[in-house]
Amino acid sequence: MMTWAREAKLDTADVDLVDITDIHGLPSEVGAWTEKRALIVRRFDRDQKRRIHIEDFAQILNTYSESKYKFANYETVGKIIPLTQRCWLFYSSSAYLISSAKK
């Protein structure tokens, strides 16, 4: 899905699926998981030269992270995004999510 999103020209993090047995230092409980692959995501919010501050909608809506799904939905996000002048990002991401939904 992330590869498809990148090919659709959406800004995505670098990701890969790897076999869990190839990851060293995991807790022993991981061996009991039924899923044998893991999604790895390259950090996009910092490197050796810079740190990019990332806010989620819990911060924007002034709520705790564990409550963010109670107060925010796509309608709420859709009303806030135009205020940031990044409407195209919301609409292109929404179009991607809708078109990639499993039926």
N, C-alpha and C. Protein backbone atom coordinates (compact mmCIF):
# COMPACT_ATOMS: atom_id res chain seq x y z
N MET A 1 0.82 -1.20 0.00
CA MET A 1 0.00 0.00 0.00
C MET A 1 0.86 1.26 0.00
N MET A 2 1.94 1.25 0.77
CA MET A 2 2.79 2.44 0.82
C MET A 2 3.48 2.66 -0.52
N THR A 3 3.87 1.58 -1.18
CA THR A 3 4.48 1.71 -2.50
C THR A 3 3.47 2.31 -3.47
N TRP A 4 2.24 1.84 -3.39
CA TRP A 4 1.18 2.37 -4.25
C TRP A 4 0.97 3.86 -3.97
N ALA A 5 0.96 4.23 -2.70
CA ALA A 5 0.79 5.64 -2.34
C ALA A 5 1.93 6.48 -2.90
N ARG A 6 3.16 5.98 -2.81
CA ARG A 6 4.31 6.71 -3.35
C ARG A 6 4.17 6.86 -4.87
N GLU A 7 3.75 5.79 -5.54
CA GLU A 7 3.58 5.86 -6.99
C GLU A 7 2.43 6.79 -7.38
N ALA A 8 1.50 7.02 -6.44
CA ALA A 8 0.41 7.97 -6.67
C ALA A 8 0.85 9.39 -6.34
N LYS A 9 2.15 9.57 -6.11
CA LYS A 9 2.77 10.88 -5.85
C LYS A 9 2.43 11.45 -4.48
N LEU A 10 2.04 10.59 -3.54
CA LEU A 10 1.85 11.03 -2.16
C LEU A 10 3.18 10.93 -1.44
N ASP A 11 3.44 11.86 -0.55
CA ASP A 11 4.69 11.87 0.20
C ASP A 11 4.61 10.78 1.27
N THR A 12 5.46 9.78 1.17
CA THR A 12 5.43 8.67 2.12
C THR A 12 6.82 8.44 2.70
N ALA A 13 6.84 7.79 3.84
CA ALA A 13 8.11 7.38 4.43
C ALA A 13 8.65 6.18 3.65
N ASP A 14 9.96 5.97 3.71
CA ASP A 14 10.56 4.78 3.11
C ASP A 14 10.21 3.59 3.99
N VAL A 15 9.65 2.55 3.38
CA VAL A 15 9.20 1.38 4.13
C VAL A 15 9.65 0.10 3.44
N ASP A 16 9.61 -0.98 4.21
CA ASP A 16 9.90 -2.30 3.65
C ASP A 16 9.26 -3.34 4.56
N LEU A 17 8.93 -4.50 4.01
CA LEU A 17 8.46 -5.63 4.79
C LEU A 17 9.63 -6.60 4.93
N VAL A 18 9.92 -7.00 6.16
CA VAL A 18 11.04 -7.91 6.40
C VAL A 18 10.57 -9.09 7.24
N ASP A 19 11.28 -10.18 7.12
CA ASP A 19 11.01 -11.36 7.93
C ASP A 19 11.43 -11.05 9.37
N ILE A 20 10.55 -11.36 10.32
CA ILE A 20 10.83 -11.06 11.72
C ILE A 20 12.12 -11.73 12.20
N THR A 21 12.42 -12.90 11.65
CA THR A 21 13.64 -13.60 12.09
C THR A 21 14.90 -12.86 11.67
N ASP A 22 14.79 -11.92 10.75
CA ASP A 22 15.94 -11.13 10.32
C ASP A 22 16.21 -9.92 11.22
N ILE A 23 15.32 -9.68 12.20
CA ILE A 23 15.47 -8.54 13.10
C ILE A 23 16.07 -9.05 14.41
N HIS A 24 17.21 -8.53 14.77
CA HIS A 24 17.91 -8.98 15.97
C HIS A 24 17.53 -8.12 17.18
N GLY A 25 17.48 -8.74 18.35
CA GLY A 25 17.23 -8.01 19.59
C GLY A 25 15.77 -7.86 19.96
N LEU A 26 14.87 -8.59 19.30
CA LEU A 26 13.45 -8.50 19.64
C LEU A 26 13.15 -9.32 20.89
N PRO A 27 12.12 -8.94 21.66
CA PRO A 27 11.74 -9.73 22.83
C PRO A 27 11.31 -11.14 22.42
N SER A 28 11.45 -12.11 23.31
CA SER A 28 11.12 -13.50 22.99
C SER A 28 9.65 -13.70 22.65
N GLU A 29 8.76 -12.84 23.16
CA GLU A 29 7.32 -12.98 22.88
C GLU A 29 7.02 -12.84 21.39
N VAL A 30 7.89 -12.20 20.67
CA VAL A 30 7.66 -12.00 19.24
C VAL A 30 7.55 -13.34 18.52
N GLY A 31 8.24 -14.36 19.00
CA GLY A 31 8.18 -15.68 18.38
C GLY A 31 6.78 -16.28 18.39
N ALA A 32 5.92 -15.82 19.29
CA ALA A 32 4.55 -16.34 19.38
C ALA A 32 3.59 -15.63 18.43
N TRP A 33 4.03 -14.57 17.80
CA TRP A 33 3.15 -13.85 16.88
C TRP A 33 2.81 -14.73 15.68
N THR A 34 1.60 -14.59 15.19
CA THR A 34 1.22 -15.34 13.98
C THR A 34 1.75 -14.66 12.73
N GLU A 35 1.90 -13.36 12.78
CA GLU A 35 2.45 -12.62 11.63
C GLU A 35 3.96 -12.78 11.66
N LYS A 36 4.52 -13.18 10.56
CA LYS A 36 5.97 -13.44 10.51
C LYS A 36 6.76 -12.35 9.80
N ARG A 37 6.07 -11.32 9.35
CA ARG A 37 6.77 -10.19 8.73
C ARG A 37 6.49 -8.93 9.51
N ALA A 38 7.40 -7.99 9.40
CA ALA A 38 7.25 -6.71 10.09
C ALA A 38 7.43 -5.57 9.09
N LEU A 39 6.68 -4.52 9.31
CA LEU A 39 6.83 -3.30 8.51
C LEU A 39 7.90 -2.45 9.17
N ILE A 40 8.95 -2.14 8.43
CA ILE A 40 9.97 -1.24 8.96
C ILE A 40 9.82 0.10 8.25
N VAL A 41 9.96 1.16 9.00
CA VAL A 41 9.78 2.52 8.48
C VAL A 41 11.01 3.33 8.82
N ARG A 42 11.63 3.91 7.80
CA ARG A 42 12.78 4.78 8.03
C ARG A 42 12.29 6.07 8.68
N ARG A 43 12.98 6.50 9.72
CA ARG A 43 12.59 7.75 10.37
C ARG A 43 12.64 8.89 9.36
N PHE A 44 11.58 9.64 9.32
CA PHE A 44 11.51 10.78 8.40
C PHE A 44 11.53 12.10 9.16
N ASP A 45 11.43 12.02 10.47
CA ASP A 45 11.30 13.24 11.26
C ASP A 45 12.63 13.76 11.79
N ARG A 46 13.71 13.04 11.55
CA ARG A 46 15.02 13.54 11.98
C ARG A 46 16.13 12.80 11.26
N ASP A 47 17.24 13.49 11.15
CA ASP A 47 18.47 12.89 10.66
C ASP A 47 19.62 13.54 11.42
N GLN A 48 20.84 13.41 10.94
CA GLN A 48 21.98 13.95 11.68
C GLN A 48 22.01 15.48 11.70
N LYS A 49 21.34 16.11 10.76
CA LYS A 49 21.41 17.57 10.64
C LYS A 49 20.16 18.30 11.10
N ARG A 50 19.03 17.62 11.14
CA ARG A 50 17.80 18.35 11.43
C ARG A 50 16.78 17.47 12.13
N ARG A 51 15.85 18.14 12.77
CA ARG A 51 14.69 17.48 13.38
C ARG A 51 13.45 18.20 12.89
N ILE A 52 12.51 17.44 12.39
CA ILE A 52 11.26 18.01 11.90
C ILE A 52 10.20 17.77 12.97
N HIS A 53 9.60 18.85 13.45
CA HIS A 53 8.55 18.72 14.45
C HIS A 53 7.28 18.21 13.77
N ILE A 54 6.70 17.19 14.33
CA ILE A 54 5.49 16.59 13.78
C ILE A 54 4.37 16.76 14.81
N GLU A 55 3.24 17.26 14.37
CA GLU A 55 2.07 17.36 15.23
C GLU A 55 1.01 16.42 14.70
N ASP A 56 0.29 15.80 15.60
CA ASP A 56 -0.86 15.02 15.16
C ASP A 56 -2.12 15.79 15.54
N PHE A 57 -3.25 15.25 15.16
CA PHE A 57 -4.48 15.99 15.40
C PHE A 57 -4.87 16.03 16.87
N ALA A 58 -4.31 15.16 17.70
CA ALA A 58 -4.55 15.29 19.13
C ALA A 58 -4.00 16.61 19.63
N GLN A 59 -2.81 16.98 19.16
CA GLN A 59 -2.23 18.26 19.57
C GLN A 59 -3.04 19.42 19.01
N ILE A 60 -3.42 19.32 17.75
CA ILE A 60 -4.17 20.40 17.13
C ILE A 60 -5.52 20.60 17.82
N LEU A 61 -6.16 19.48 18.21
CA LEU A 61 -7.47 19.54 18.85
C LEU A 61 -7.37 19.68 20.37
N ASN A 62 -6.14 19.80 20.88
CA ASN A 62 -5.90 19.98 22.31
C ASN A 62 -6.55 18.86 23.14
N THR A 63 -6.26 17.62 22.75
CA THR A 63 -6.77 16.46 23.47
C THR A 63 -5.64 15.46 23.67
N TYR A 64 -5.83 14.53 24.57
CA TYR A 64 -4.83 13.50 24.81
C TYR A 64 -4.83 12.49 23.67
N SER A 65 -3.67 11.90 23.40
CA SER A 65 -3.53 10.95 22.30
C SER A 65 -4.55 9.82 22.37
N GLU A 66 -4.79 9.29 23.56
CA GLU A 66 -5.72 8.16 23.68
C GLU A 66 -7.16 8.56 23.38
N SER A 67 -7.46 9.85 23.34
CA SER A 67 -8.83 10.32 23.05
C SER A 67 -9.00 10.86 21.64
N LYS A 68 -7.92 10.91 20.87
CA LYS A 68 -8.01 11.61 19.59
C LYS A 68 -9.02 11.00 18.64
N TYR A 69 -9.26 9.69 18.71
CA TYR A 69 -10.22 9.09 17.79
C TYR A 69 -11.66 9.32 18.22
N LYS A 70 -11.86 9.78 19.44
CA LYS A 70 -13.21 10.12 19.89
C LYS A 70 -13.62 11.51 19.38
N PHE A 71 -12.63 12.39 19.20
CA PHE A 71 -12.93 13.77 18.86
C PHE A 71 -12.65 14.13 17.41
N ALA A 72 -11.86 13.33 16.73
CA ALA A 72 -11.49 13.67 15.36
C ALA A 72 -11.93 12.56 14.41
N ASN A 73 -12.44 12.99 13.28
CA ASN A 73 -12.76 12.08 12.20
C ASN A 73 -12.44 12.81 10.91
N TYR A 74 -12.71 12.20 9.78
CA TYR A 74 -12.35 12.86 8.52
C TYR A 74 -13.10 14.17 8.32
N GLU A 75 -14.30 14.27 8.84
CA GLU A 75 -15.04 15.54 8.72
C GLU A 75 -14.32 16.64 9.50
N THR A 76 -13.90 16.34 10.73
CA THR A 76 -13.17 17.32 11.54
C THR A 76 -11.87 17.72 10.86
N VAL A 77 -11.12 16.71 10.40
CA VAL A 77 -9.86 16.98 9.72
C VAL A 77 -10.10 17.82 8.47
N GLY A 78 -11.15 17.48 7.72
CA GLY A 78 -11.48 18.22 6.51
C GLY A 78 -11.80 19.68 6.76
N LYS A 79 -12.32 19.99 7.94
CA LYS A 79 -12.62 21.38 8.27
C LYS A 79 -11.38 22.15 8.73
N ILE A 80 -10.42 21.44 9.30
CA ILE A 80 -9.20 22.09 9.80
C ILE A 80 -8.17 22.29 8.70
N ILE A 81 -8.00 21.31 7.84
CA ILE A 81 -6.96 21.35 6.81
C ILE A 81 -7.01 22.61 5.96
N PRO A 82 -8.19 23.07 5.49
CA PRO A 82 -8.18 24.28 4.66
C PRO A 82 -7.57 25.49 5.36
N LEU A 83 -7.59 25.50 6.66
CA LEU A 83 -7.00 26.61 7.41
C LEU A 83 -5.48 26.61 7.31
N THR A 84 -4.90 25.48 6.93
CA THR A 84 -3.45 25.37 6.82
C THR A 84 -2.94 25.61 5.41
N GLN A 85 -3.81 25.83 4.48
CA GLN A 85 -3.48 26.04 3.07
C GLN A 85 -2.82 24.81 2.46
N ARG A 86 -3.15 23.63 2.98
CA ARG A 86 -2.61 22.39 2.42
C ARG A 86 -3.76 21.46 2.04
N CYS A 87 -4.84 22.03 1.51
CA CYS A 87 -6.02 21.24 1.14
C CYS A 87 -5.68 20.10 0.20
N TRP A 88 -4.81 20.37 -0.76
CA TRP A 88 -4.47 19.35 -1.75
C TRP A 88 -3.94 18.09 -1.09
N LEU A 89 -3.21 18.23 0.01
CA LEU A 89 -2.66 17.07 0.70
C LEU A 89 -3.78 16.24 1.31
N PHE A 90 -4.73 16.89 1.96
CA PHE A 90 -5.85 16.17 2.55
C PHE A 90 -6.67 15.48 1.48
N TYR A 91 -6.98 16.18 0.41
CA TYR A 91 -7.83 15.60 -0.62
C TYR A 91 -7.13 14.47 -1.37
N SER A 92 -5.85 14.62 -1.67
CA SER A 92 -5.14 13.54 -2.37
C SER A 92 -4.97 12.33 -1.45
N SER A 93 -4.70 12.56 -0.17
CA SER A 93 -4.58 11.45 0.77
C SER A 93 -5.92 10.76 0.97
N SER A 94 -6.99 11.53 1.05
CA SER A 94 -8.32 10.95 1.19
C SER A 94 -8.69 10.12 -0.03
N ALA A 95 -8.39 10.64 -1.20
CA ALA A 95 -8.68 9.90 -2.44
C ALA A 95 -7.92 8.58 -2.45
N TYR A 96 -6.68 8.62 -2.00
CA TYR A 96 -5.89 7.38 -1.93
C TYR A 96 -6.53 6.40 -0.95
N LEU A 97 -6.90 6.86 0.24
CA LEU A 97 -7.48 5.97 1.24
C LEU A 97 -8.78 5.35 0.75
N ILE A 98 -9.61 6.14 0.09
CA ILE A 98 -10.87 5.62 -0.43
C ILE A 98 -10.63 4.59 -1.52
N SER A 99 -9.73 4.91 -2.43
CA SER A 99 -9.49 4.00 -3.56
C SER A 99 -8.77 2.72 -3.14
N SER A 100 -8.06 2.74 -2.02
CA SER A 100 -7.32 1.55 -1.60
C SER A 100 -8.08 0.72 -0.57
N ALA A 101 -9.27 1.15 -0.19
CA ALA A 101 -10.03 0.44 0.84
C ALA A 101 -10.41 -0.96 0.36
N LYS A 102 -10.31 -1.92 1.27
CA LYS A 102 -10.71 -3.29 0.94
C LYS A 102 -12.22 -3.38 0.97
N LYS A 103 -12.76 -4.12 0.04
CA LYS A 103 -14.23 -4.27 -0.03
C LYS A 103 -14.66 -5.54 0.63
